[in-house]
N, C-alpha and C. Protein backbone atom coordinates (compact mmCIF):
# COMPACT_ATOMS: atom_id res chain seq x y z
N UNK A 1 -9.80 9.86 36.28
CA UNK A 1 -10.78 9.12 35.52
C UNK A 1 -10.07 8.32 34.43
N UNK A 2 -10.39 7.04 34.31
CA UNK A 2 -9.78 6.18 33.31
C UNK A 2 -10.52 6.31 31.99
N UNK A 3 -9.77 6.52 30.93
CA UNK A 3 -10.34 6.54 29.59
C UNK A 3 -10.11 5.18 28.96
N UNK A 4 -11.18 4.41 28.82
CA UNK A 4 -11.07 3.10 28.20
C UNK A 4 -11.49 3.23 26.76
N UNK A 5 -10.62 2.80 25.85
CA UNK A 5 -10.90 2.90 24.43
C UNK A 5 -10.86 1.54 23.77
N UNK A 6 -11.05 1.51 22.45
CA UNK A 6 -11.05 0.25 21.71
C UNK A 6 -9.78 -0.58 21.91
N UNK A 7 -8.65 0.09 22.12
CA UNK A 7 -7.40 -0.66 22.28
C UNK A 7 -7.38 -1.46 23.58
N UNK A 8 -8.26 -1.11 24.52
CA UNK A 8 -8.29 -1.80 25.81
C UNK A 8 -9.21 -3.02 25.80
N UNK A 9 -9.97 -3.22 24.73
CA UNK A 9 -10.90 -4.33 24.66
C UNK A 9 -10.19 -5.61 24.25
N UNK A 10 -10.53 -6.69 24.91
CA UNK A 10 -10.02 -8.02 24.55
C UNK A 10 -11.20 -8.81 24.02
N UNK A 11 -11.14 -9.23 22.76
CA UNK A 11 -12.24 -9.96 22.14
C UNK A 11 -12.04 -11.46 22.30
N UNK A 12 -13.16 -12.18 22.47
CA UNK A 12 -13.09 -13.63 22.60
C UNK A 12 -13.49 -14.31 21.28
N UNK A 13 -13.43 -15.62 21.28
CA UNK A 13 -13.73 -16.42 20.09
C UNK A 13 -15.09 -16.10 19.51
N UNK A 14 -16.12 -16.06 20.35
CA UNK A 14 -17.47 -15.80 19.89
C UNK A 14 -17.60 -14.41 19.26
N UNK A 15 -16.96 -13.42 19.84
CA UNK A 15 -17.04 -12.06 19.31
C UNK A 15 -16.35 -11.94 17.95
N UNK A 16 -15.33 -12.74 17.71
CA UNK A 16 -14.60 -12.66 16.45
C UNK A 16 -15.30 -13.49 15.37
N UNK A 17 -15.62 -14.74 15.67
CA UNK A 17 -16.17 -15.64 14.66
C UNK A 17 -17.69 -15.68 14.61
N UNK A 18 -18.34 -15.27 15.70
CA UNK A 18 -19.79 -15.36 15.77
C UNK A 18 -20.28 -16.70 16.25
N UNK A 19 -19.36 -17.57 16.69
CA UNK A 19 -19.74 -18.87 17.25
C UNK A 19 -18.75 -19.25 18.35
N UNK A 20 -19.21 -20.09 19.27
CA UNK A 20 -18.37 -20.46 20.42
C UNK A 20 -17.30 -21.49 20.06
N UNK A 21 -17.47 -22.17 18.91
CA UNK A 21 -16.50 -23.19 18.51
C UNK A 21 -15.23 -22.60 17.90
N UNK A 22 -15.29 -21.37 17.43
CA UNK A 22 -14.12 -20.76 16.80
C UNK A 22 -13.91 -21.19 15.37
N UNK A 23 -15.01 -21.50 14.66
CA UNK A 23 -14.88 -21.94 13.27
C UNK A 23 -15.02 -20.76 12.31
N UNK A 24 -14.31 -20.90 11.19
CA UNK A 24 -14.33 -19.89 10.14
C UNK A 24 -13.90 -20.58 8.84
N UNK A 25 -13.96 -19.86 7.75
CA UNK A 25 -13.54 -20.38 6.45
C UNK A 25 -12.21 -19.75 6.07
N UNK A 26 -11.16 -20.59 5.98
CA UNK A 26 -9.83 -20.11 5.60
C UNK A 26 -9.77 -19.90 4.09
N UNK A 27 -9.20 -18.76 3.69
CA UNK A 27 -9.08 -18.42 2.27
C UNK A 27 -7.63 -18.35 1.80
N UNK A 28 -6.72 -18.04 2.72
CA UNK A 28 -5.29 -18.00 2.35
C UNK A 28 -4.44 -18.17 3.59
N UNK A 29 -3.19 -18.55 3.35
CA UNK A 29 -2.23 -18.72 4.45
C UNK A 29 -0.86 -18.27 3.97
N UNK A 30 -0.17 -17.51 4.81
CA UNK A 30 1.18 -17.03 4.51
C UNK A 30 2.02 -17.10 5.77
N UNK A 31 3.32 -16.98 5.61
CA UNK A 31 4.22 -16.91 6.76
C UNK A 31 4.20 -15.51 7.34
N UNK A 32 4.21 -15.43 8.66
CA UNK A 32 4.33 -14.16 9.36
C UNK A 32 5.73 -14.04 9.92
N UNK A 33 6.41 -12.96 9.61
CA UNK A 33 7.79 -12.78 10.06
C UNK A 33 7.85 -11.93 11.32
N UNK A 34 8.95 -12.07 12.04
CA UNK A 34 9.18 -11.27 13.23
C UNK A 34 9.72 -9.90 12.88
N UNK A 35 9.76 -9.04 13.89
CA UNK A 35 10.29 -7.69 13.71
C UNK A 35 11.33 -7.41 14.78
N UNK A 36 12.36 -6.67 14.40
CA UNK A 36 13.39 -6.22 15.33
C UNK A 36 13.69 -4.77 15.00
N UNK A 37 13.64 -3.91 15.98
CA UNK A 37 13.88 -2.48 15.79
C UNK A 37 12.97 -1.89 14.72
N UNK A 38 11.72 -2.39 14.67
CA UNK A 38 10.76 -1.85 13.72
C UNK A 38 10.92 -2.32 12.29
N UNK A 39 11.83 -3.26 12.07
CA UNK A 39 12.07 -3.76 10.72
C UNK A 39 11.83 -5.26 10.67
N UNK A 40 11.27 -5.78 9.55
CA UNK A 40 11.01 -7.21 9.45
C UNK A 40 12.31 -8.01 9.41
N UNK A 41 12.26 -9.18 10.04
CA UNK A 41 13.39 -10.10 10.00
C UNK A 41 13.04 -11.25 9.05
N UNK A 42 13.97 -12.15 8.86
CA UNK A 42 13.71 -13.33 8.02
C UNK A 42 13.10 -14.48 8.82
N UNK A 43 12.96 -14.31 10.13
CA UNK A 43 12.47 -15.38 10.99
C UNK A 43 10.94 -15.50 10.89
N UNK A 44 10.46 -16.70 10.57
CA UNK A 44 9.02 -16.96 10.54
C UNK A 44 8.56 -17.22 11.98
N UNK A 45 7.63 -16.40 12.47
CA UNK A 45 7.19 -16.51 13.86
C UNK A 45 5.74 -16.97 13.99
N UNK A 46 5.00 -16.98 12.88
CA UNK A 46 3.60 -17.43 12.93
C UNK A 46 3.12 -17.73 11.51
N UNK A 47 1.93 -18.29 11.44
CA UNK A 47 1.24 -18.47 10.16
C UNK A 47 0.09 -17.48 10.16
N UNK A 48 -0.05 -16.71 9.09
CA UNK A 48 -1.14 -15.74 8.97
C UNK A 48 -2.23 -16.36 8.10
N UNK A 49 -3.38 -16.60 8.73
CA UNK A 49 -4.49 -17.26 8.05
C UNK A 49 -5.60 -16.23 7.85
N UNK A 50 -5.90 -15.94 6.60
CA UNK A 50 -7.00 -15.02 6.28
C UNK A 50 -8.29 -15.82 6.20
N UNK A 51 -9.30 -15.40 6.96
CA UNK A 51 -10.56 -16.12 7.03
C UNK A 51 -11.74 -15.17 6.87
N UNK A 52 -12.90 -15.77 6.57
CA UNK A 52 -14.18 -15.07 6.70
C UNK A 52 -14.99 -15.84 7.73
N UNK A 53 -15.84 -15.12 8.42
CA UNK A 53 -16.64 -15.71 9.50
C UNK A 53 -18.12 -15.68 9.12
N UNK A 54 -18.64 -16.77 8.54
CA UNK A 54 -20.04 -16.81 8.12
C UNK A 54 -21.03 -16.50 9.25
N UNK A 55 -20.69 -16.90 10.48
CA UNK A 55 -21.59 -16.65 11.61
C UNK A 55 -21.48 -15.23 12.15
N UNK A 56 -20.60 -14.43 11.58
CA UNK A 56 -20.43 -13.04 12.00
C UNK A 56 -20.49 -12.13 10.78
N UNK A 57 -21.56 -12.27 10.00
CA UNK A 57 -21.83 -11.42 8.83
C UNK A 57 -20.70 -11.47 7.80
N UNK A 58 -20.02 -12.60 7.71
CA UNK A 58 -18.91 -12.81 6.77
C UNK A 58 -17.79 -11.77 6.94
N UNK A 59 -17.57 -11.37 8.16
CA UNK A 59 -16.44 -10.46 8.44
C UNK A 59 -15.15 -11.18 8.09
N UNK A 60 -14.21 -10.43 7.55
CA UNK A 60 -12.91 -11.02 7.24
C UNK A 60 -11.89 -10.56 8.28
N UNK A 61 -10.99 -11.47 8.59
CA UNK A 61 -9.95 -11.18 9.57
C UNK A 61 -8.74 -12.07 9.27
N UNK A 62 -7.57 -11.56 9.58
CA UNK A 62 -6.35 -12.36 9.47
C UNK A 62 -5.94 -12.76 10.88
N UNK A 63 -5.78 -14.05 11.09
CA UNK A 63 -5.43 -14.59 12.41
C UNK A 63 -3.98 -15.05 12.39
N UNK A 64 -3.21 -14.58 13.33
CA UNK A 64 -1.82 -15.02 13.48
C UNK A 64 -1.82 -16.27 14.35
N UNK A 65 -1.43 -17.40 13.76
CA UNK A 65 -1.43 -18.69 14.46
C UNK A 65 0.00 -18.99 14.91
N UNK A 66 0.17 -19.21 16.21
CA UNK A 66 1.50 -19.41 16.78
C UNK A 66 2.13 -20.74 16.39
N UNK A 67 1.30 -21.78 16.22
CA UNK A 67 1.79 -23.12 15.87
C UNK A 67 2.22 -23.11 14.40
N UNK A 68 3.52 -23.28 14.14
CA UNK A 68 4.03 -23.25 12.77
C UNK A 68 3.78 -24.54 12.02
N UNK A 69 3.32 -25.59 12.71
CA UNK A 69 3.11 -26.89 12.08
C UNK A 69 1.62 -27.22 11.92
N UNK A 70 0.81 -26.22 11.68
CA UNK A 70 -0.63 -26.46 11.50
C UNK A 70 -0.87 -27.28 10.23
N UNK A 71 -1.99 -28.02 10.20
CA UNK A 71 -2.27 -28.89 9.05
C UNK A 71 -2.84 -28.17 7.83
N UNK A 72 -2.80 -26.86 7.81
CA UNK A 72 -3.31 -26.08 6.68
C UNK A 72 -2.13 -25.57 5.87
N UNK A 73 -2.18 -25.78 4.56
CA UNK A 73 -1.11 -25.32 3.66
C UNK A 73 -1.74 -24.62 2.46
N UNK A 74 -0.97 -23.80 1.75
CA UNK A 74 -1.49 -23.20 0.52
C UNK A 74 -1.92 -24.26 -0.49
N UNK A 75 -1.18 -25.38 -0.54
CA UNK A 75 -1.52 -26.46 -1.47
C UNK A 75 -2.87 -27.09 -1.12
N UNK A 76 -3.12 -27.32 0.15
CA UNK A 76 -4.40 -27.88 0.59
C UNK A 76 -5.55 -26.93 0.24
N UNK A 77 -5.34 -25.66 0.44
CA UNK A 77 -6.36 -24.67 0.07
C UNK A 77 -6.64 -24.70 -1.44
N UNK A 78 -5.57 -24.76 -2.22
CA UNK A 78 -5.73 -24.78 -3.67
C UNK A 78 -6.47 -26.04 -4.12
N UNK A 79 -6.12 -27.18 -3.54
CA UNK A 79 -6.77 -28.45 -3.91
C UNK A 79 -8.26 -28.45 -3.55
N UNK A 80 -8.65 -27.67 -2.57
CA UNK A 80 -10.05 -27.67 -2.13
C UNK A 80 -10.82 -26.46 -2.65
N UNK A 81 -10.36 -25.89 -3.75
CA UNK A 81 -11.09 -24.79 -4.35
C UNK A 81 -10.87 -23.44 -3.68
N UNK A 82 -9.83 -23.31 -2.89
CA UNK A 82 -9.48 -22.02 -2.30
C UNK A 82 -10.11 -21.73 -0.95
N UNK A 83 -10.75 -22.73 -0.34
CA UNK A 83 -11.28 -22.50 1.01
C UNK A 83 -11.39 -23.80 1.79
N UNK A 84 -11.21 -23.69 3.09
CA UNK A 84 -11.31 -24.82 4.01
C UNK A 84 -11.92 -24.32 5.32
N UNK A 85 -12.81 -25.11 5.89
CA UNK A 85 -13.35 -24.76 7.20
C UNK A 85 -12.32 -25.13 8.26
N UNK A 86 -12.06 -24.21 9.17
CA UNK A 86 -11.07 -24.42 10.22
C UNK A 86 -11.68 -24.07 11.58
N UNK A 87 -11.04 -24.60 12.62
CA UNK A 87 -11.45 -24.31 13.99
C UNK A 87 -10.20 -23.85 14.75
N UNK A 88 -10.27 -22.66 15.32
CA UNK A 88 -9.13 -22.09 16.03
C UNK A 88 -9.12 -22.52 17.49
N UNK A 89 -7.92 -22.66 18.04
CA UNK A 89 -7.74 -22.96 19.46
C UNK A 89 -7.23 -21.70 20.16
N UNK A 90 -7.95 -21.29 21.20
CA UNK A 90 -7.59 -20.11 22.00
C UNK A 90 -7.50 -18.84 21.14
N UNK A 91 -8.55 -18.58 20.39
CA UNK A 91 -8.62 -17.38 19.53
C UNK A 91 -8.98 -16.17 20.37
N UNK A 92 -8.18 -15.12 20.26
CA UNK A 92 -8.46 -13.85 20.93
C UNK A 92 -8.14 -12.71 19.97
N UNK A 93 -8.61 -11.53 20.32
CA UNK A 93 -8.34 -10.38 19.47
C UNK A 93 -8.31 -9.09 20.26
N UNK A 94 -7.69 -8.11 19.66
CA UNK A 94 -7.67 -6.76 20.23
C UNK A 94 -7.53 -5.77 19.08
N UNK A 95 -7.83 -4.53 19.34
CA UNK A 95 -7.73 -3.49 18.32
C UNK A 95 -6.43 -2.71 18.49
N UNK A 96 -5.90 -2.26 17.38
CA UNK A 96 -4.76 -1.35 17.38
C UNK A 96 -5.06 -0.24 16.39
N UNK A 97 -4.38 0.85 16.52
CA UNK A 97 -4.63 2.03 15.68
C UNK A 97 -3.48 2.23 14.72
N UNK A 98 -3.80 2.28 13.42
CA UNK A 98 -2.75 2.47 12.42
C UNK A 98 -2.39 3.95 12.28
N UNK A 99 -1.44 4.25 11.42
CA UNK A 99 -0.96 5.62 11.25
C UNK A 99 -2.04 6.56 10.72
N UNK A 100 -3.05 6.01 10.06
CA UNK A 100 -4.15 6.83 9.53
C UNK A 100 -5.23 7.07 10.59
N UNK A 101 -5.03 6.50 11.79
CA UNK A 101 -5.99 6.68 12.86
C UNK A 101 -7.14 5.69 12.85
N UNK A 102 -7.08 4.67 11.97
CA UNK A 102 -8.14 3.67 11.89
C UNK A 102 -7.85 2.55 12.87
N UNK A 103 -8.92 2.00 13.46
CA UNK A 103 -8.76 0.85 14.35
C UNK A 103 -8.83 -0.43 13.53
N UNK A 104 -7.85 -1.31 13.74
CA UNK A 104 -7.72 -2.57 13.02
C UNK A 104 -7.76 -3.70 14.04
N UNK A 105 -8.49 -4.77 13.69
CA UNK A 105 -8.55 -5.93 14.57
C UNK A 105 -7.30 -6.79 14.37
N UNK A 106 -6.63 -7.10 15.46
CA UNK A 106 -5.50 -8.02 15.45
C UNK A 106 -5.94 -9.28 16.20
N UNK A 107 -5.96 -10.41 15.50
CA UNK A 107 -6.41 -11.66 16.11
C UNK A 107 -5.27 -12.67 16.13
N UNK A 108 -5.25 -13.50 17.17
CA UNK A 108 -4.23 -14.54 17.26
C UNK A 108 -4.84 -15.79 17.88
N UNK A 109 -4.22 -16.93 17.58
CA UNK A 109 -4.66 -18.22 18.11
C UNK A 109 -3.43 -19.08 18.35
N UNK A 110 -3.58 -20.04 19.26
CA UNK A 110 -2.47 -20.96 19.53
C UNK A 110 -2.29 -21.93 18.37
N UNK A 111 -3.39 -22.44 17.82
CA UNK A 111 -3.34 -23.43 16.77
C UNK A 111 -4.66 -23.46 16.03
N UNK A 112 -4.77 -24.38 15.06
CA UNK A 112 -6.04 -24.58 14.38
C UNK A 112 -6.10 -26.02 13.88
N UNK A 113 -7.32 -26.47 13.62
CA UNK A 113 -7.51 -27.76 12.98
C UNK A 113 -8.39 -27.57 11.76
N UNK A 114 -8.18 -28.40 10.75
CA UNK A 114 -8.97 -28.36 9.54
C UNK A 114 -10.22 -29.22 9.79
N UNK A 115 -11.39 -28.64 9.57
CA UNK A 115 -12.66 -29.33 9.81
C UNK A 115 -13.13 -30.06 8.58
N UNK A 116 -13.11 -29.40 7.41
CA UNK A 116 -13.54 -30.03 6.16
C UNK A 116 -12.88 -29.38 4.99
């Protein structure tokens, strides 16, 4: 008998953002570094964009964006009062379990565009 748990679920754009377009409100952006042998490296491998999803009860999630040249910057966020509406391309998610036994959503996207 197969035991299917939260880690086996693959979430789509609508399930994460609450809309089929993949839009959310970006609040911050940082560099995401790679890991080797369980330790962080100096290599930037993604952009980590923290968002809230108004169409999904304002759930917050951090999305790892693979495209390092996205048009969203910390300066742009600061100039616009700390938030920008964005649209993710190929947004997916899955759950992982941390050391405390809690399930955490891990979301990733190929890219994003700034909407307003």
